[in-house]
């Protein structure tokens, strides 16, 4: 099973916090070219793995230092989805944009009860709620590969830097759809989270 990098997630959170605080950066001397990603997209996710972290354990954990990550296939209906607005192309004249911003109010349902004592994992998912997300979609330098996009969007909570992160490395862009596996959705650090598949479909 592939493991997400908590360092990558932390760097993504720092980047997303800067985007949320500063907004778009625009230089009037640069002629911008609209990215083909600009538009409205419907995001849907399907979680297939729940990950929770404990202290040192001999129970099927992937351990690093004093922490062990446990993977469970019971996800109890966890979900993240909704409409994302993609805008703010940052490409230069004559080039395809390499970075765009994505933002939207998404519906999320996540685990609100975790059994750490018996290593069961998620035992209950709460009712769906809405939350604002903002972040970035960036193009990999080798765009000839099918897995050409990296996506990172973060839940924004006024007055705090806390919030869940959706981190998608190596998404496949196929014109009217973007799809692949997401490496992490959940609180950064040692909080519980999910892994699974996603698809974004362009809305006409």
Protein backbone atom coordinates (compact mmCIF):
# COMPACT_ATOMS: atom_id res chain seq x y z
CA UNK A 1 0.00 0.00 0.00
CA UNK A 2 1.32 3.45 -0.90
CA UNK A 3 1.93 5.81 2.00
CA UNK A 4 1.37 9.55 1.97
CA UNK A 5 4.18 11.84 3.06
CA UNK A 6 3.31 13.86 6.14
CA UNK A 7 6.10 16.27 5.13
CA UNK A 8 4.37 16.80 1.76
CA UNK A 9 1.05 17.36 3.51
CA UNK A 10 2.65 19.88 5.90
CA UNK A 11 4.21 21.79 2.99
CA UNK A 12 0.87 21.78 1.19
CA UNK A 13 -0.87 23.14 4.30
CA UNK A 14 1.67 25.97 4.53
CA UNK A 15 1.13 26.83 0.86
CA UNK A 16 -2.65 26.72 1.19
CA UNK A 17 -2.59 28.93 4.28
CA UNK A 18 -0.58 31.50 2.33
CA UNK A 19 -3.08 31.38 -0.56
CA UNK A 20 -6.01 31.82 1.81
CA UNK A 21 -4.34 34.77 3.55
CA UNK A 22 -3.04 36.60 0.50
CA UNK A 23 -5.44 35.71 -2.30
CA UNK A 24 -4.37 35.85 -5.96
CA UNK A 25 -1.07 37.45 -6.91
CA UNK A 26 -1.25 39.32 -10.19
CA UNK A 27 1.43 41.24 -12.09
CA UNK A 28 -0.08 43.65 -14.67
CA UNK A 29 3.14 43.42 -16.72
CA UNK A 30 2.54 39.73 -17.39
CA UNK A 31 -0.03 38.77 -19.99
CA UNK A 32 -1.88 35.82 -18.53
CA UNK A 33 -3.16 32.89 -20.55
CA UNK A 34 -6.25 31.09 -19.37
CA UNK A 35 -5.64 27.52 -18.34
CA UNK A 36 -7.87 24.80 -19.83
CA UNK A 37 -8.63 23.84 -16.21
CA UNK A 38 -10.53 27.07 -15.55
CA UNK A 39 -14.22 26.43 -14.98
CA UNK A 40 -16.64 24.65 -12.65
CA UNK A 41 -15.94 21.05 -11.61
CA UNK A 42 -17.98 18.54 -9.62
CA UNK A 43 -15.77 16.68 -7.14
CA UNK A 44 -16.76 13.22 -5.90
CA UNK A 45 -14.70 10.99 -3.62
CA UNK A 46 -14.89 7.35 -2.58
CA UNK A 47 -12.96 6.49 0.57
CA UNK A 48 -11.68 2.92 0.84
CA UNK A 49 -9.12 3.23 3.65
CA UNK A 50 -9.33 4.78 7.11
CA UNK A 51 -6.02 5.68 8.76
CA UNK A 52 -5.56 6.40 12.46
CA UNK A 53 -2.44 6.88 14.52
CA UNK A 54 -1.55 5.46 17.93
CA UNK A 55 1.52 5.24 20.09
CA UNK A 56 3.91 2.28 19.84
CA UNK A 57 1.96 -0.84 18.90
CA UNK A 58 2.56 -4.40 17.73
CA UNK A 59 -0.87 -4.50 16.04
CA UNK A 60 -0.49 -4.24 12.23
CA UNK A 61 0.85 -0.70 12.37
CA UNK A 62 3.29 1.10 10.06
CA UNK A 63 5.53 2.59 12.74
CA UNK A 64 7.93 5.51 12.60
CA UNK A 65 9.45 6.69 15.84
CA UNK A 66 6.85 6.85 18.62
CA UNK A 67 3.84 6.67 16.25
CA UNK A 68 2.12 3.82 14.41
CA UNK A 69 -0.37 4.31 11.56
CA UNK A 70 -3.14 1.71 11.25
CA UNK A 71 -5.09 1.15 8.02
CA UNK A 72 -8.68 -0.12 8.03
CA UNK A 73 -11.08 -0.77 5.15
CA UNK A 74 -14.16 0.23 7.17
CA UNK A 75 -14.84 3.86 6.28
CA UNK A 76 -18.49 4.06 7.40
CA UNK A 77 -19.67 6.31 4.58
CA UNK A 78 -17.08 9.09 4.86
CA UNK A 79 -17.40 11.52 1.97
CA UNK A 80 -16.15 14.79 0.51
CA UNK A 81 -17.69 16.35 -2.59
CA UNK A 82 -19.26 19.34 -4.27
CA UNK A 83 -18.58 22.05 -6.84
CA UNK A 84 -15.12 23.60 -7.15
CA UNK A 85 -14.54 26.85 -9.02
CA UNK A 86 -11.15 26.81 -10.76
CA UNK A 87 -9.74 30.18 -11.76
CA UNK A 88 -6.78 32.57 -11.66
CA UNK A 89 -4.52 31.21 -14.37
CA UNK A 90 -0.88 32.06 -13.67
CA UNK A 91 0.61 31.06 -17.04
CA UNK A 92 2.79 33.39 -19.10
CA UNK A 93 2.03 34.43 -22.66
CA UNK A 94 2.55 31.53 -25.04
CA UNK A 95 2.61 28.92 -22.27
CA UNK A 96 -0.01 26.73 -20.65
CA UNK A 97 -0.69 27.81 -17.08
CA UNK A 98 1.22 25.79 -14.54
CA UNK A 99 -0.90 26.66 -11.51
CA UNK A 100 -4.54 27.56 -10.88
CA UNK A 101 -6.61 28.13 -7.76
CA UNK A 102 -9.60 26.02 -6.74
CA UNK A 103 -12.24 27.00 -4.21
CA UNK A 104 -15.72 25.91 -3.25
CA UNK A 105 -18.20 25.01 -0.54
CA UNK A 106 -18.08 21.23 -0.22
CA UNK A 107 -20.14 18.66 1.65
CA UNK A 108 -18.17 16.49 4.03
CA UNK A 109 -18.97 13.58 6.35
CA UNK A 110 -16.11 12.27 8.47
CA UNK A 111 -15.43 9.93 11.35
CA UNK A 112 -16.40 11.42 14.71
CA UNK A 113 -15.71 8.32 16.80
CA UNK A 114 -12.52 6.22 16.70
CA UNK A 115 -11.81 3.06 18.69
CA UNK A 116 -8.15 3.38 19.69
CA UNK A 117 -8.31 0.80 22.48
CA UNK A 118 -9.06 -2.24 20.35
CA UNK A 119 -7.61 -0.81 17.11
CA UNK A 120 -11.00 -1.06 15.39
CA UNK A 121 -10.68 2.35 13.78
CA UNK A 122 -13.68 4.39 12.70
CA UNK A 123 -16.88 3.38 14.47
CA UNK A 124 -19.18 6.22 13.40
CA UNK A 125 -19.38 8.92 10.74
CA UNK A 126 -21.26 12.09 11.61
CA UNK A 127 -23.98 13.82 9.63
CA UNK A 128 -22.91 15.65 6.44
CA UNK A 129 -21.92 19.29 6.90
CA UNK A 130 -20.66 21.98 4.53
CA UNK A 131 -17.25 23.63 4.65
CA UNK A 132 -15.26 26.07 2.53
CA UNK A 133 -12.15 24.73 0.79
CA UNK A 134 -9.44 26.61 -1.08
CA UNK A 135 -6.21 25.47 -2.67
CA UNK A 136 -4.22 24.86 -5.81
CA UNK A 137 -4.00 22.61 -8.84
CA UNK A 138 -0.50 22.50 -10.31
CA UNK A 139 0.89 20.90 -13.45
CA UNK A 140 3.89 18.62 -13.19
CA UNK A 141 6.94 19.58 -15.23
CA UNK A 142 6.68 16.37 -17.26
CA UNK A 143 3.15 16.88 -18.59
CA UNK A 144 3.63 14.07 -21.13
CA UNK A 145 2.76 11.59 -18.38
CA UNK A 146 -0.88 10.77 -17.70
CA UNK A 147 -0.49 11.53 -14.00
CA UNK A 148 0.19 15.19 -14.67
CA UNK A 149 -1.62 17.17 -11.95
CA UNK A 150 -1.07 17.67 -8.23
CA UNK A 151 -4.08 18.93 -6.24
CA UNK A 152 -4.13 20.25 -2.69
CA UNK A 153 -7.14 21.97 -1.15
CA UNK A 154 -7.69 22.85 2.51
CA UNK A 155 -10.73 23.46 4.66
CA UNK A 156 -10.80 27.08 5.81
CA UNK A 157 -11.95 27.81 9.37
CA UNK A 158 -12.06 31.52 10.28
CA UNK A 159 -9.64 32.49 13.02
CA UNK A 160 -7.57 29.30 12.90
CA UNK A 161 -5.12 27.41 10.70
CA UNK A 162 -6.83 24.10 11.53
CA UNK A 163 -8.80 22.25 8.89
CA UNK A 164 -8.87 19.08 6.84
CA UNK A 165 -6.68 18.77 3.78
CA UNK A 166 -7.38 16.89 0.54
CA UNK A 167 -4.05 15.99 -1.02
CA UNK A 168 -3.99 14.36 -4.48
CA UNK A 169 -0.60 13.56 -6.02
CA UNK A 170 -0.43 12.58 -9.67
CA UNK A 171 -4.03 13.02 -10.83
CA UNK A 172 -4.84 12.18 -14.45
CA UNK A 173 -6.28 15.00 -16.59
CA UNK A 174 -8.53 13.79 -19.40
CA UNK A 175 -10.19 16.93 -20.78
CA UNK A 176 -13.63 16.91 -19.15
CA UNK A 177 -12.53 14.79 -16.20
CA UNK A 178 -9.73 14.56 -13.67
CA UNK A 179 -9.37 11.33 -11.73
CA UNK A 180 -7.12 9.07 -9.69
CA UNK A 181 -6.41 8.27 -6.05
CA UNK A 182 -6.19 10.81 -3.27
CA UNK A 183 -3.27 10.31 -0.92
CA UNK A 184 -4.90 11.88 2.13
CA UNK A 185 -8.07 13.59 3.33
CA UNK A 186 -8.14 14.60 6.97
CA UNK A 187 -6.39 16.63 9.60
CA UNK A 188 -2.66 17.11 8.99
CA UNK A 189 -0.20 15.79 11.52
CA UNK A 190 -1.31 12.74 13.48
CA UNK A 191 -5.08 13.15 13.13
CA UNK A 192 -7.19 10.41 11.51
CA UNK A 193 -7.94 10.55 7.80
CA UNK A 194 -8.90 8.73 4.63
CA UNK A 195 -7.43 7.47 1.39
CA UNK A 196 -9.34 6.44 -1.74
CA UNK A 197 -10.39 7.40 -5.26
CA UNK A 198 -11.84 10.59 -6.70
CA UNK A 199 -13.17 12.08 -9.92
CA UNK A 200 -13.76 15.69 -10.95
CA UNK A 201 -16.17 16.20 -13.87
CA UNK A 202 -16.42 19.48 -15.74
CA UNK A 203 -19.84 21.14 -15.49
CA UNK A 204 -21.26 22.57 -18.70
